């Protein structure tokens, strides 16, 4: 999980730097591209962890595996 946490920390630093607004355009684009790559890496790490959690839940007969649904305001709940 260290890789996920490292990616997330770097992503937070990039966001903070871009939010300052005093970064030259070329550097902003480079930071944005790096941020998108980090975001993709974090998403893959979460999906892998989600798969492991589902497998663990399925192995335990008392619990029923449910797909992980991130709680975000932008994503409508699935019916």
Protein backbone atom coordinates (compact mmCIF):
# COMPACT_ATOMS: atom_id res chain seq x y z
CA UNK A 1 0.00 0.00 0.00
CA UNK A 2 3.04 2.27 0.28
CA UNK A 3 3.01 2.84 -3.48
CA UNK A 4 -0.59 4.13 -3.29
CA UNK A 5 0.22 6.44 -0.40
CA UNK A 6 3.34 7.78 -2.14
CA UNK A 7 1.35 8.47 -5.33
CA UNK A 8 -1.40 10.18 -3.35
CA UNK A 9 1.08 12.40 -1.47
CA UNK A 10 2.78 13.43 -4.72
CA UNK A 11 -0.61 14.09 -6.31
CA UNK A 12 -1.59 16.34 -3.38
CA UNK A 13 1.66 18.32 -3.77
CA UNK A 14 0.99 18.78 -7.49
CA UNK A 15 -2.54 20.02 -6.81
CA UNK A 16 -1.27 22.47 -4.19
CA UNK A 17 1.39 23.77 -6.58
CA UNK A 18 -1.11 24.21 -9.42
CA UNK A 19 -3.64 25.92 -7.11
CA UNK A 20 -1.10 28.62 -6.23
CA UNK A 21 -1.45 29.87 -9.79
CA UNK A 22 2.09 31.21 -10.09
CA UNK A 23 3.46 28.24 -12.04
CA UNK A 24 4.54 28.92 -15.65
CA UNK A 25 2.25 27.38 -18.29
CA UNK A 26 4.80 24.84 -19.52
CA UNK A 27 5.47 23.60 -15.97
CA UNK A 28 1.72 23.54 -15.28
CA UNK A 29 1.20 21.24 -18.25
CA UNK A 30 4.01 18.97 -17.11
CA UNK A 31 2.60 18.84 -13.58
CA UNK A 32 -0.91 18.20 -14.91
CA UNK A 33 0.33 15.30 -17.04
CA UNK A 34 2.21 13.82 -14.07
CA UNK A 35 -0.89 14.26 -11.93
CA UNK A 36 -3.06 12.40 -14.45
CA UNK A 37 -0.57 9.53 -14.53
CA UNK A 38 -0.49 9.40 -10.72
CA UNK A 39 -4.28 9.48 -10.61
CA UNK A 40 -4.43 6.52 -12.98
CA UNK A 41 -1.88 4.61 -10.89
CA UNK A 42 -3.85 5.30 -7.69
CA UNK A 43 -7.06 4.12 -9.34
CA UNK A 44 -5.41 0.84 -10.42
CA UNK A 45 -4.06 0.29 -6.91
CA UNK A 46 -7.54 0.84 -5.45
CA UNK A 47 -9.13 -1.54 -7.96
CA UNK A 48 -6.60 -4.24 -7.04
CA UNK A 49 -7.28 -3.71 -3.33
CA UNK A 50 -11.02 -3.85 -4.02
CA UNK A 51 -10.61 -7.19 -5.77
CA UNK A 52 -8.67 -8.58 -2.79
CA UNK A 53 -11.35 -7.38 -0.36
CA UNK A 54 -14.09 -9.04 -2.44
CA UNK A 55 -12.15 -12.32 -2.51
CA UNK A 56 -11.66 -12.19 1.27
CA UNK A 57 -15.36 -11.47 1.81
CA UNK A 58 -16.37 -14.35 -0.47
CA UNK A 59 -14.12 -16.76 1.44
CA UNK A 60 -15.90 -15.92 4.67
CA UNK A 61 -19.32 -17.57 4.45
CA UNK A 62 -20.88 -15.14 6.91
CA UNK A 63 -20.19 -12.06 4.80
CA UNK A 64 -21.48 -11.31 1.35
CA UNK A 65 -19.18 -9.55 -1.10
CA UNK A 66 -20.48 -6.32 -2.49
CA UNK A 67 -18.72 -4.31 -5.18
CA UNK A 68 -16.90 -1.29 -3.86
CA UNK A 69 -18.73 1.95 -4.66
CA UNK A 70 -16.75 5.08 -3.83
CA UNK A 71 -18.88 7.59 -1.99
CA UNK A 72 -18.72 10.71 -4.10
CA UNK A 73 -21.30 13.39 -4.66
CA UNK A 74 -20.70 13.30 -8.41
CA UNK A 75 -21.44 9.60 -8.82
CA UNK A 76 -25.16 8.76 -8.62
CA UNK A 77 -25.99 5.65 -6.61
CA UNK A 78 -26.66 2.61 -8.72
CA UNK A 79 -30.15 1.19 -8.43
